């Protein structure tokens, strides 16, 4: 009988037990062996304690989702056994010195493999290292790669610490080889090495390559990962990194840096974004380019700090008061997160406006292998005024000149011969305020129309929103953001089975909305199902507002976790057959 060549792995325990470090290490081993993987860590907002479940899928082909159930469960505490041991399919690895397993409650064929940690490792904290060593033996992975990983991870520790961890991993490996037997899983060798990134790391790397020179933020889960990635690297790449005292300061700093001529970015989550919105309007009024990443979590208020949701769509669309030009993009994969930052900076500078990138916890914090992708990004800095010396002949510098495109020549503040006023009140072409003594209706109309004119040209520059998959599909699934990877998995699964087919309409450009493209796609669709992580179907509401088309069939989830594949697949079958 052929062995299974894919793996679903769960590692459960309390915060502080080393769940994530063990899972990430094994993921890196597989990536260096050329395999694809996708991981999601479900955790609580506790430093220690609570229940944490690291969920990892390993495959020779691209992995789009984490597994609904594990082939192998590594249990680092008794609570994990009580909660999820019943879901394991092939085997459970556990610390037999402190954990008890009732094998009568396990699935048929699932084996319970106890590891006597005190016998195998000098320190009980190494139980996760021992377990990963045993896991490597069970699935035919490369122990040598794990030894390399451990020496890298503990590179700043003494050689004795490194040797102890390597010995613990080998002890787990040897114990499994001697005592556990075959469970019918053999991971293959893939081609080449894969990179492993989170969405937040991709946002940070994208900012560096796109030429971002200023990043300011206040820590807020789940956007903090961008800070964590940039902080130790910013100086190396010529970037000023500033941890602000709050989100108001962070946003104002970013707007100021953009106004001064630097490519600038900030990041936050829903509560912090709420504080930033007035300054976003300021960027719109003074036409300062700035990029804002907002990473959604469960709300309202403090909500679910460590859980996922897509409930902030209209918050971002409605950010700040009044009408002003802006762009909103919702990337859907790690690669897309990387590329979106470069696109956002180019749009921000070419059209001199704020660009908001909407992510969520799933996209920003999940780990995913990526194949080689184009690192270089085109950098377009827009229209700049020609410098001239004071007293040189010429008309006064009009920073907010009324142009055919709405984009005015830009200058660094204080530049000789190009002095101007940048007021947050309404102003004329020179920047002089028109609201102090009396409001000038004609100039107000001119300036409003000038700014909004940018949107016509910006919209033409955006890539078309197209259906992905078979054109003759029986069902079109509408999604946005992180739900794309689930829907992509559903499309590949359903279409590979034969019979009825599905395709995907992924909404990436939230504002300006691709009204014509979305209308055409939905009118061609035989049936439509929307999948979102919120209670009210916010993308469906936006589509109805922009196109007049109502999507009635929806799968909406708001429990803080990604939608299980089995649940989504059942809804797809219902939609196909209903």
Protein backbone atom coordinates (compact mmCIF):
# COMPACT_ATOMS: atom_id res chain seq x y z
CA UNK A 1 0.00 0.00 0.00
CA UNK A 2 1.38 3.40 -1.03
CA UNK A 3 2.31 5.71 1.77
CA UNK A 4 0.69 9.08 2.23
CA UNK A 5 2.99 11.86 0.98
CA UNK A 6 1.26 14.84 2.61
CA UNK A 7 1.03 15.78 6.28
CA UNK A 8 -1.41 17.58 8.49
CA UNK A 9 0.26 18.48 11.79
CA UNK A 10 -1.15 20.09 14.93
CA UNK A 11 0.99 21.11 17.89
CA UNK A 12 -1.02 21.98 20.98
CA UNK A 13 -0.09 23.36 24.37
CA UNK A 14 -0.14 26.50 26.48
CA UNK A 15 1.53 29.77 25.58
CA UNK A 16 5.16 29.37 26.60
CA UNK A 17 5.33 25.64 25.82
CA UNK A 18 7.12 26.23 22.52
CA UNK A 19 4.29 25.25 20.17
CA UNK A 20 5.06 27.87 17.53
CA UNK A 21 8.84 27.47 17.69
CA UNK A 22 8.50 23.71 17.18
CA UNK A 23 6.02 24.15 14.35
CA UNK A 24 8.04 26.85 12.61
CA UNK A 25 11.21 24.77 12.88
CA UNK A 26 9.55 21.75 11.28
CA UNK A 27 8.08 24.02 8.60
CA UNK A 28 11.56 25.36 7.83
CA UNK A 29 12.91 21.81 7.57
CA UNK A 30 10.24 20.96 5.00
CA UNK A 31 10.80 24.22 3.11
CA UNK A 32 14.53 23.52 2.87
CA UNK A 33 13.58 20.10 1.53
CA UNK A 34 11.60 21.76 -1.25
CA UNK A 35 8.10 21.13 0.15
CA UNK A 36 5.24 23.60 0.38
CA UNK A 37 3.50 24.39 3.64
CA UNK A 38 0.83 26.61 5.14
CA UNK A 39 0.55 27.25 8.88
CA UNK A 40 -1.89 29.04 11.15
CA UNK A 41 -1.35 29.55 14.87
CA UNK A 42 -4.51 29.91 16.95
CA UNK A 43 -3.48 31.61 20.20
CA UNK A 44 -4.89 33.65 23.08
CA UNK A 45 -3.89 37.10 24.33
CA UNK A 46 -1.84 35.64 27.19
CA UNK A 47 1.92 35.61 27.71
CA UNK A 48 1.63 32.20 29.35
CA UNK A 49 -1.25 29.78 29.69
CA UNK A 50 -4.41 29.37 27.66
CA UNK A 51 -4.70 26.98 24.73
CA UNK A 52 -2.50 27.42 21.65
CA UNK A 53 -2.84 25.28 18.54
CA UNK A 54 -0.28 25.50 15.73
CA UNK A 55 -1.79 23.94 12.59
CA UNK A 56 0.42 23.04 9.64
CA UNK A 57 -0.14 21.47 6.21
CA UNK A 58 2.80 20.02 4.27
CA UNK A 59 2.57 19.06 0.60
CA UNK A 60 4.64 18.71 -2.55
CA UNK A 61 2.11 20.99 -4.26
CA UNK A 62 1.16 24.51 -3.18
CA UNK A 63 -0.67 24.45 0.17
CA UNK A 64 -3.47 27.03 0.45
CA UNK A 65 -5.00 26.20 3.85
CA UNK A 66 -4.16 24.65 7.20
CA UNK A 67 -5.63 21.21 7.96
CA UNK A 68 -9.05 20.73 9.53
CA UNK A 69 -7.71 17.63 11.32
CA UNK A 70 -4.17 16.39 11.96
CA UNK A 71 -2.54 13.24 10.75
CA UNK A 72 -0.21 13.72 13.71
CA UNK A 73 -0.89 15.66 16.91
CA UNK A 74 1.94 16.74 19.19
CA UNK A 75 0.43 17.40 22.62
CA UNK A 76 2.56 19.43 25.01
CA UNK A 77 0.00 19.46 27.83
CA UNK A 78 -3.00 17.51 29.12
CA UNK A 79 -5.44 20.22 28.02
CA UNK A 80 -4.56 19.58 24.38
CA UNK A 81 -5.39 15.90 24.81
CA UNK A 82 -8.77 16.72 26.31
CA UNK A 83 -9.59 19.23 23.58
CA UNK A 84 -8.36 17.74 20.30
CA UNK A 85 -6.93 14.22 20.72
CA UNK A 86 -10.17 12.90 19.24
CA UNK A 87 -9.37 14.65 15.94
CA UNK A 88 -5.98 13.01 15.31
CA UNK A 89 -5.95 10.48 12.46
CA UNK A 90 -2.67 8.56 12.58
CA UNK A 91 -0.68 9.33 15.73
CA UNK A 92 -0.33 11.41 18.88
CA UNK A 93 3.08 12.30 20.31
CA UNK A 94 3.03 13.32 23.97
CA UNK A 95 5.14 13.67 27.10
CA UNK A 96 4.37 10.43 28.89
CA UNK A 97 5.95 11.74 32.11
CA UNK A 98 3.04 14.13 32.71
CA UNK A 99 0.31 13.45 30.14
CA UNK A 100 -2.22 10.60 30.09
CA UNK A 101 -4.05 9.43 26.95
CA UNK A 102 -7.20 7.30 26.97
CA UNK A 103 -6.69 5.33 23.75
CA UNK A 104 -10.33 4.15 23.78
CA UNK A 105 -11.36 7.74 22.91
CA UNK A 106 -9.08 8.01 19.87
CA UNK A 107 -10.03 7.47 16.24
CA UNK A 108 -9.73 3.92 14.98
CA UNK A 109 -6.16 3.35 13.84
CA UNK A 110 -4.71 6.34 15.70
CA UNK A 111 -1.67 5.41 17.78
CA UNK A 112 -0.61 7.05 21.03
CA UNK A 113 3.18 7.39 21.22
CA UNK A 114 4.48 8.43 24.62
CA UNK A 115 7.89 10.09 24.96
CA UNK A 116 9.64 9.75 28.36
CA UNK A 117 11.03 13.29 28.30
CA UNK A 118 12.96 13.10 31.58
CA UNK A 119 14.81 10.10 30.20
CA UNK A 120 15.47 11.67 26.78
CA UNK A 121 16.36 15.28 27.61
CA UNK A 122 18.21 17.04 30.44
CA UNK A 123 15.56 19.76 30.66
CA UNK A 124 11.77 19.23 30.56
CA UNK A 125 11.48 22.49 28.59
CA UNK A 126 13.00 20.56 25.68
CA UNK A 127 9.88 18.39 25.32
CA UNK A 128 9.00 20.17 22.06
CA UNK A 129 12.51 19.53 20.66
CA UNK A 130 12.30 15.84 21.55
CA UNK A 131 8.83 15.63 19.97
CA UNK A 132 9.98 17.22 16.72
CA UNK A 133 12.88 14.76 16.58
CA UNK A 134 10.40 11.88 16.91
CA UNK A 135 8.13 13.49 14.31
CA UNK A 136 11.01 13.68 11.83
CA UNK A 137 11.59 9.96 12.17
CA UNK A 138 7.91 9.09 11.79
CA UNK A 139 7.48 10.99 8.49
CA UNK A 140 10.92 10.39 6.98
CA UNK A 141 12.16 13.97 7.16
CA UNK A 142 15.82 15.04 7.45
CA UNK A 143 17.19 15.12 11.00
CA UNK A 144 20.35 16.84 9.79
CA UNK A 145 18.31 19.86 8.66
CA UNK A 146 16.76 20.07 12.13
CA UNK A 147 20.18 20.01 13.72
CA UNK A 148 21.16 22.93 11.45
CA UNK A 149 17.99 24.76 12.44
CA UNK A 150 18.66 24.30 16.16
CA UNK A 151 22.22 25.60 15.89
CA UNK A 152 20.92 28.63 13.98
CA UNK A 153 18.12 29.24 16.48
CA UNK A 154 20.48 29.04 19.46
CA UNK A 155 23.38 30.65 17.64
CA UNK A 156 23.79 33.33 20.30
CA UNK A 157 23.79 30.76 23.09
CA UNK A 158 26.75 28.74 24.27
CA UNK A 159 27.90 25.61 22.44
CA UNK A 160 26.70 23.58 25.42
CA UNK A 161 23.13 24.86 24.94
CA UNK A 162 23.27 24.11 21.22
CA UNK A 163 24.65 20.62 21.80
CA UNK A 164 21.99 19.87 24.43
CA UNK A 165 19.16 20.77 22.02
CA UNK A 166 20.68 18.77 19.18
CA UNK A 167 21.07 15.81 21.53
CA UNK A 168 17.43 16.11 22.63
CA UNK A 169 16.25 16.08 19.00
CA UNK A 170 18.38 13.01 18.22
CA UNK A 171 17.13 11.26 21.36
CA UNK A 172 13.54 11.76 20.22
CA UNK A 173 14.42 10.53 16.72
CA UNK A 174 16.20 7.40 17.99
CA UNK A 175 13.46 6.59 20.51
CA UNK A 176 10.80 6.79 17.78
CA UNK A 177 12.88 4.60 15.46
CA UNK A 178 13.21 1.95 18.15
CA UNK A 179 9.72 2.04 19.66
CA UNK A 180 7.03 3.51 17.40
CA UNK A 181 6.94 1.72 14.06
CA UNK A 182 5.46 2.79 10.71
CA UNK A 183 2.35 5.01 10.49
CA UNK A 184 2.10 5.06 6.68
CA UNK A 185 3.41 8.58 6.02
CA UNK A 186 6.52 9.36 3.97
CA UNK A 187 7.20 12.97 3.03
CA UNK A 188 8.80 13.24 -0.42
CA UNK A 189 11.77 15.33 -1.48
CA UNK A 190 10.67 18.51 -3.22
CA UNK A 191 12.49 20.68 -5.74
CA UNK A 192 14.74 23.49 -4.55
CA UNK A 193 14.31 25.45 -1.36
CA UNK A 194 11.29 27.54 -0.40
CA UNK A 195 11.15 30.78 1.53
CA UNK A 196 8.84 30.97 4.55
CA UNK A 197 7.11 34.27 5.26
CA UNK A 198 4.18 35.75 7.11
CA UNK A 199 2.08 38.47 5.52
CA UNK A 200 3.47 41.02 7.97
CA UNK A 201 7.03 40.06 7.06
CA UNK A 202 6.09 40.46 3.41
CA UNK A 203 4.71 43.95 4.12
CA UNK A 204 8.00 44.84 5.82
CA UNK A 205 10.18 43.41 3.07
CA UNK A 206 8.03 45.07 0.44
CA UNK A 207 8.46 48.43 2.16
CA UNK A 208 12.26 48.07 2.15
CA UNK A 209 12.44 47.13 -1.53
CA UNK A 210 9.94 49.84 -2.47
CA UNK A 211 12.24 52.48 -1.00
CA UNK A 212 10.33 53.29 2.18
CA UNK A 213 12.50 55.63 4.25
CA UNK A 214 10.22 56.22 7.26
CA UNK A 215 8.08 53.83 9.28
CA UNK A 216 6.21 54.90 12.41
CA UNK A 217 3.80 52.82 14.46
CA UNK A 218 2.48 51.99 17.89
CA UNK A 219 2.33 48.25 18.72
CA UNK A 220 -1.09 46.72 18.16
CA UNK A 221 -1.85 43.09 17.43
CA UNK A 222 -2.00 41.80 14.74
CA UNK A 223 -0.05 44.55 12.93
CA UNK A 224 2.92 44.48 15.31
CA UNK A 225 4.72 41.88 13.22
CA UNK A 226 5.56 44.58 10.67
CA UNK A 227 7.34 46.54 13.43
CA UNK A 228 9.08 43.43 14.71
CA UNK A 229 10.46 42.68 11.26
CA UNK A 230 11.51 46.25 10.43
CA UNK A 231 12.96 47.34 13.79
CA UNK A 232 16.24 45.37 13.63
CA UNK A 233 16.64 45.96 9.87
CA UNK A 234 15.60 49.58 9.30
CA UNK A 235 18.99 51.21 9.89
CA UNK A 236 20.72 48.72 7.60
CA UNK A 237 18.44 49.74 4.74
CA UNK A 238 18.50 53.47 5.38
CA UNK A 239 15.05 53.64 6.96
CA UNK A 240 14.07 55.74 9.97
CA UNK A 241 12.02 53.54 12.32
CA UNK A 242 10.00 55.27 15.03
CA UNK A 243 7.88 53.62 17.71
CA UNK A 244 5.43 56.39 18.53
CA UNK A 245 3.65 57.04 21.81
CA UNK A 246 0.25 56.29 20.22
CA UNK A 247 -1.44 55.85 16.86
CA UNK A 248 -2.30 59.54 16.51
CA UNK A 249 1.38 60.41 16.69
CA UNK A 250 2.35 57.55 14.39
CA UNK A 251 -0.06 58.69 11.68
CA UNK A 252 0.89 62.35 11.94
CA UNK A 253 4.58 61.44 11.75
CA UNK A 254 3.98 59.35 8.65
CA UNK A 255 2.00 62.12 6.95
CA UNK A 256 4.72 64.62 7.85
CA UNK A 257 7.43 62.38 6.41
CA UNK A 258 5.45 61.89 3.21
CA UNK A 259 4.85 65.64 2.95
CA UNK A 260 8.60 66.20 3.40
CA UNK A 261 9.40 63.95 0.44
CA UNK A 262 10.19 60.57 2.03
CA UNK A 263 8.34 57.41 1.21
CA UNK A 264 6.55 56.76 4.50
CA UNK A 265 4.32 54.06 5.96
CA UNK A 266 2.54 53.19 9.18
CA UNK A 267 0.66 50.12 10.36
CA UNK A 268 -2.04 49.37 12.91
CA UNK A 269 -5.25 47.46 13.60
CA UNK A 270 -8.87 48.63 13.79
CA UNK A 271 -8.73 50.47 17.12
CA UNK A 272 -5.52 52.26 16.19
CA UNK A 273 -6.84 53.02 12.72
CA UNK A 274 -9.84 54.73 14.33
CA UNK A 275 -7.42 57.16 15.95
CA UNK A 276 -5.56 57.73 12.69
CA UNK A 277 -8.48 58.76 10.53
CA UNK A 278 -8.33 62.54 11.11
CA UNK A 279 -4.71 62.60 9.99
CA UNK A 280 -5.59 60.51 6.93
CA UNK A 281 -7.97 63.32 5.97
CA UNK A 282 -5.13 65.78 6.49
CA UNK A 283 -3.04 63.81 4.00
CA UNK A 284 -5.94 64.06 1.56
CA UNK A 285 -6.21 67.83 1.98
CA UNK A 286 -2.51 68.70 1.74
CA UNK A 287 -2.04 66.00 -0.92
CA UNK A 288 0.69 64.18 0.97
CA UNK A 289 1.53 60.63 -0.13
CA UNK A 290 1.45 58.06 2.67
CA UNK A 291 0.79 54.30 2.95
CA UNK A 292 -1.24 52.84 5.83
CA UNK A 293 -1.50 49.11 6.57
CA UNK A 294 -4.48 48.22 8.73
CA UNK A 295 -4.68 44.61 9.92
CA UNK A 296 -8.18 43.59 10.96
CA UNK A 297 -8.99 41.62 14.09
CA UNK A 298 -12.27 40.78 15.81
CA UNK A 299 -14.18 43.85 16.97
CA UNK A 300 -15.74 46.12 18.02
CA UNK A 301 -13.67 47.97 20.64
CA UNK A 302 -10.76 45.87 21.91
CA UNK A 303 -12.66 42.87 20.58
CA UNK A 304 -10.58 39.77 19.93
CA UNK A 305 -6.95 40.97 19.93
CA UNK A 306 -5.51 37.68 18.68
CA UNK A 307 -8.30 36.49 16.40
CA UNK A 308 -9.20 37.15 12.79
CA UNK A 309 -12.10 39.00 11.14
CA UNK A 310 -12.95 41.15 8.12
CA UNK A 311 -15.20 43.60 9.89
CA UNK A 312 -13.43 46.91 9.18
CA UNK A 313 -14.18 47.35 5.48
CA UNK A 314 -16.50 50.32 5.85
CA UNK A 315 -14.32 51.83 8.56
CA UNK A 316 -11.50 52.05 6.04
CA UNK A 317 -13.71 53.27 3.20
CA UNK A 318 -15.18 55.97 5.44
CA UNK A 319 -11.93 57.00 7.11
CA UNK A 320 -11.91 60.74 7.92
CA UNK A 321 -14.52 63.32 7.08
CA UNK A 322 -15.42 64.74 3.69
CA UNK A 323 -14.68 63.65 0.15
CA UNK A 324 -11.05 63.25 -0.84
CA UNK A 325 -9.07 61.01 -3.21
CA UNK A 326 -7.58 57.82 -1.79
CA UNK A 327 -6.95 54.23 -2.74
CA UNK A 328 -7.71 51.02 -0.80
CA UNK A 329 -6.19 47.66 -1.73
CA UNK A 330 -6.89 44.25 -0.13
CA UNK A 331 -4.08 41.76 -0.89
CA UNK A 332 -4.88 38.08 -0.56
CA UNK A 333 -1.61 36.10 -0.36
CA UNK A 334 1.88 36.55 1.06
CA UNK A 335 3.30 37.28 -2.41
CA UNK A 336 0.47 39.73 -3.02
CA UNK A 337 1.18 41.47 0.30
CA UNK A 338 4.77 42.02 -0.80
CA UNK A 339 3.83 43.38 -4.22
CA UNK A 340 0.96 45.50 -2.90
CA UNK A 341 3.31 47.67 -0.83
CA UNK A 342 5.26 48.66 -3.93
CA UNK A 343 2.06 49.35 -5.85
CA UNK A 344 0.71 51.40 -2.94
CA UNK A 345 3.80 53.61 -2.76
CA UNK A 346 3.71 54.26 -6.50
CA UNK A 347 0.04 55.20 -6.42
CA UNK A 348 0.54 57.36 -3.32
CA UNK A 349 3.35 59.37 -4.91
CA UNK A 350 2.01 59.56 -8.47
CA UNK A 351 -1.38 60.81 -7.28
CA UNK A 352 -0.28 62.46 -4.01
CA UNK A 353 -2.81 60.79 -1.73
CA UNK A 354 -3.13 58.27 1.10
CA UNK A 355 -3.23 54.59 0.13
CA UNK A 356 -4.62 52.09 2.60
CA UNK A 357 -3.75 48.38 2.54
CA UNK A 358 -6.36 46.20 4.26
CA UNK A 359 -5.15 42.94 5.74
CA UNK A 360 -6.40 40.71 8.56
CA UNK A 361 -4.83 38.48 11.20
CA UNK A 362 -4.98 35.37 9.01
CA UNK A 363 -3.11 36.98 6.12
CA UNK A 364 -0.70 38.94 8.31
CA UNK A 365 0.27 36.23 10.78
CA UNK A 366 -0.02 32.90 8.99
CA UNK A 367 3.18 31.31 7.70
CA UNK A 368 3.42 30.19 4.10
CA UNK A 369 6.09 28.91 1.75
CA UNK A 370 6.63 30.98 -1.36
CA UNK A 371 8.46 30.12 -4.55
CA UNK A 372 10.94 32.56 -5.99
CA UNK A 373 9.15 35.74 -7.00
CA UNK A 374 10.33 39.00 -8.49
CA UNK A 375 12.01 40.98 -5.74
CA UNK A 376 12.62 44.14 -7.75
CA UNK A 377 9.87 46.73 -7.86
CA UNK A 378 9.42 49.66 -10.22
CA UNK A 379 9.60 52.95 -8.31
CA UNK A 380 7.52 55.82 -9.68
CA UNK A 381 7.82 59.06 -7.73
CA UNK A 382 5.36 61.19 -9.66
CA UNK A 383 5.54 64.80 -10.80
CA UNK A 384 8.07 67.13 -9.15
CA UNK A 385 8.48 70.87 -9.69
CA UNK A 386 11.63 72.13 -11.38
CA UNK A 387 13.84 73.86 -8.78
CA UNK A 388 14.63 77.53 -9.35
CA UNK A 389 16.48 80.17 -7.39
CA UNK A 390 14.67 82.90 -5.50
CA UNK A 391 14.26 85.94 -7.72
CA UNK A 392 14.46 83.86 -10.90
CA UNK A 393 11.88 84.93 -13.45
CA UNK A 394 8.69 82.93 -13.54
CA UNK A 395 5.20 82.66 -12.15
CA UNK A 396 4.71 82.07 -8.41
CA UNK A 397 4.96 78.40 -7.45
CA UNK A 398 1.49 76.84 -7.39
CA UNK A 399 1.84 73.74 -5.22
CA UNK A 400 -1.83 72.94 -5.79
CA UNK A 401 -2.00 73.93 -9.44
CA UNK A 402 -5.26 73.04 -11.17
CA UNK A 403 -4.12 70.55 -13.83
CA UNK A 404 -5.84 68.27 -16.34
CA UNK A 405 -4.99 65.21 -14.24
CA UNK A 406 -5.55 66.84 -10.85
CA UNK A 407 -1.91 66.06 -9.99
CA UNK A 408 0.15 69.17 -9.23
CA UNK A 409 3.95 69.49 -9.32
CA UNK A 410 5.31 68.59 -5.89
CA UNK A 411 8.22 70.15 -3.98
CA UNK A 412 10.14 69.40 -0.82
CA UNK A 413 9.10 71.97 1.83
CA UNK A 414 11.53 74.88 2.08
CA UNK A 415 13.08 74.27 -1.32
CA UNK A 416 14.56 77.47 -2.74
CA UNK A 417 12.20 79.20 -5.12
CA UNK A 418 9.39 76.74 -4.40
CA UNK A 419 7.99 77.99 -1.10
CA UNK A 420 4.33 77.32 -0.39
CA UNK A 421 1.74 76.96 2.37
CA UNK A 422 0.29 73.52 3.13
CA UNK A 423 -2.80 74.26 5.19
CA UNK A 424 -5.32 71.72 6.37
CA UNK A 425 -8.09 74.26 5.72
CA UNK A 426 -9.38 74.50 2.17
CA UNK A 427 -6.96 76.57 0.11
CA UNK A 428 -6.28 77.92 -3.36
CA UNK A 429 -3.64 76.83 -5.87
CA UNK A 430 -0.86 78.61 -3.95
CA UNK A 431 -1.93 77.01 -0.68
CA UNK A 432 -3.40 80.20 0.78
CA UNK A 433 -6.44 79.48 2.96
CA UNK A 434 -9.83 80.47 1.60
CA UNK A 435 -11.77 79.83 4.79
CA UNK A 436 -10.42 82.40 7.28
CA UNK A 437 -12.26 85.54 6.17
CA UNK A 438 -14.87 84.05 3.91
CA UNK A 439 -15.28 80.87 1.94
CA UNK A 440 -14.87 81.28 -1.81
CA UNK A 441 -17.41 78.91 -3.42
CA UNK A 442 -15.81 79.06 -6.87
CA UNK A 443 -12.33 78.24 -5.58
CA UNK A 444 -13.74 75.54 -3.32
CA UNK A 445 -15.41 73.89 -6.32
CA UNK A 446 -12.23 74.18 -8.36
CA UNK A 447 -10.03 72.62 -5.66
CA UNK A 448 -12.47 69.83 -4.86
CA UNK A 449 -12.82 68.96 -8.55
CA UNK A 450 -9.04 69.19 -9.04
CA UNK A 451 -8.36 66.70 -6.25
CA UNK A 452 -11.12 64.30 -7.24
CA UNK A 453 -9.98 64.38 -10.90
CA UNK A 454 -7.05 62.22 -9.83
CA UNK A 455 -9.38 59.29 -9.24
CA UNK A 456 -10.34 59.04 -12.91
CA UNK A 457 -6.73 58.55 -13.92
CA UNK A 458 -5.86 56.35 -10.93
CA UNK A 459 -8.77 54.01 -11.69
CA UNK A 460 -7.57 53.55 -15.27
CA UNK A 461 -4.16 52.47 -13.97
CA UNK A 462 -5.45 49.64 -11.79
CA UNK A 463 -5.30 46.08 -13.07
CA UNK A 464 -8.63 44.64 -14.25
CA UNK A 465 -10.69 42.63 -11.78
CA UNK A 466 -11.19 39.30 -13.53
CA UNK A 467 -12.71 35.94 -12.75
CA UNK A 468 -10.10 33.27 -12.01
CA UNK A 469 -10.81 29.73 -13.12
CA UNK A 470 -13.05 28.16 -15.78
CA UNK A 471 -15.20 30.68 -17.62
CA UNK A 472 -18.12 28.20 -17.81
CA UNK A 473 -18.18 27.51 -14.06
CA UNK A 474 -21.44 26.53 -12.41
CA UNK A 475 -20.68 28.68 -9.35
CA UNK A 476 -18.73 31.89 -8.88
CA UNK A 477 -17.36 32.47 -5.38
CA UNK A 478 -16.82 36.09 -4.35
CA UNK A 479 -14.11 36.71 -1.76
CA UNK A 480 -11.56 39.28 -0.61
CA UNK A 481 -8.41 39.34 1.48
CA UNK A 482 -7.34 36.19 3.28
CA UNK A 483 -10.45 34.19 2.33
CA UNK A 484 -8.96 33.91 -1.17
CA UNK A 485 -6.63 31.06 -0.19
CA UNK A 486 -9.55 29.03 1.20
CA UNK A 487 -11.56 29.65 -1.96
CA UNK A 488 -8.57 28.78 -4.14
CA UNK A 489 -8.30 25.45 -2.28
CA UNK A 490 -12.04 24.88 -2.78
CA UNK A 491 -11.78 25.60 -6.51
CA UNK A 492 -8.89 23.20 -7.00
CA UNK A 493 -10.59 20.49 -4.93
CA UNK A 494 -14.02 20.71 -6.58
CA UNK A 495 -12.78 21.12 -10.13
CA UNK A 496 -10.30 18.23 -9.80
CA UNK A 497 -13.16 15.94 -8.74
CA UNK A 498 -14.93 16.42 -12.07
CA UNK A 499 -18.56 17.29 -12.62
CA UNK A 500 -19.64 20.78 -11.62
CA UNK A 501 -17.04 23.56 -11.58
CA UNK A 502 -16.43 26.74 -9.65
CA UNK A 503 -14.41 29.91 -10.28
CA UNK A 504 -13.34 32.91 -8.17
CA UNK A 505 -14.07 36.63 -8.21
CA UNK A 506 -11.51 38.08 -5.80
CA UNK A 507 -12.07 41.77 -4.96
CA UNK A 508 -8.63 43.29 -4.56
CA UNK A 509 -9.34 46.94 -5.32
CA UNK A 510 -11.78 48.19 -2.72
CA UNK A 511 -11.50 51.87 -3.69
CA UNK A 512 -11.85 52.98 -6.39
CA UNK A 513 -14.16 50.04 -6.93
CA UNK A 514 -13.98 48.15 -10.23
CA UNK A 515 -17.70 48.61 -10.87
CA UNK A 516 -17.73 47.67 -14.56
CA UNK A 517 -15.53 44.58 -14.12
CA UNK A 518 -17.47 43.25 -11.13
CA UNK A 519 -20.85 43.94 -12.75
CA UNK A 520 -19.85 42.09 -15.91
CA UNK A 521 -18.49 39.11 -13.98
CA UNK A 522 -21.54 38.74 -11.76
CA UNK A 523 -23.98 39.08 -14.67
CA UNK A 524 -22.21 36.21 -16.46
CA UNK A 525 -22.20 33.98 -13.37
CA UNK A 526 -24.70 31.12 -13.23
CA UNK A 527 -24.76 31.10 -9.43
CA UNK A 528 -22.92 33.25 -6.89
CA UNK A 529 -21.71 32.52 -3.36
CA UNK A 530 -19.88 35.07 -1.18
CA UNK A 531 -17.49 34.03 1.59
CA UNK A 532 -16.51 36.62 4.23
CA UNK A 533 -15.26 36.81 7.80
CA UNK A 534 -17.86 39.19 9.22
CA UNK A 535 -21.48 39.20 10.41
CA UNK A 536 -23.12 41.56 7.92
CA UNK A 537 -21.56 40.56 4.60
CA UNK A 538 -19.72 43.84 4.16
CA UNK A 539 -18.24 43.12 0.72
CA UNK A 540 -21.69 42.03 -0.46
CA UNK A 541 -23.08 45.36 0.75
CA UNK A 542 -20.33 47.24 -1.07
CA UNK A 543 -21.00 45.30 -4.27
CA UNK A 544 -24.71 46.08 -4.02
CA UNK A 545 -23.94 49.78 -3.48
CA UNK A 546 -21.58 49.92 -6.47
CA UNK A 547 -23.33 47.60 -8.95
CA UNK A 548 -26.93 47.21 -7.80
CA UNK A 549 -26.43 43.43 -7.69
CA UNK A 550 -27.44 41.64 -4.51
CA UNK A 551 -25.60 38.46 -3.55
CA UNK A 552 -28.06 36.42 -1.51
CA UNK A 553 -26.10 33.23 -0.90
CA UNK A 554 -23.37 33.83 1.68
CA UNK A 555 -21.08 31.95 4.03
CA UNK A 556 -20.32 34.39 6.84
CA UNK A 557 -18.08 33.54 9.79
CA UNK A 558 -17.26 35.69 12.82
CA UNK A 559 -16.01 33.33 15.56
CA UNK A 560 -12.44 34.63 15.30
CA UNK A 561 -11.01 31.62 13.46
CA UNK A 562 -10.56 30.94 9.73
CA UNK A 563 -13.42 29.00 8.16
CA UNK A 564 -12.81 25.21 8.26
CA UNK A 565 -12.42 23.65 4.82
CA UNK A 566 -15.05 21.00 5.52
CA UNK A 567 -17.64 23.64 6.44
CA UNK A 568 -16.85 25.73 3.38
CA UNK A 569 -16.91 22.71 1.08
CA UNK A 570 -20.34 21.70 2.40
CA UNK A 571 -21.65 25.21 1.67
CA UNK A 572 -20.20 25.09 -1.86
CA UNK A 573 -21.89 21.76 -2.54
CA UNK A 574 -25.15 23.16 -1.20
CA UNK A 575 -24.84 26.18 -3.49
CA UNK A 576 -24.00 24.00 -6.50
CA UNK A 577 -26.89 21.63 -5.93
CA UNK A 578 -29.46 24.06 -4.53
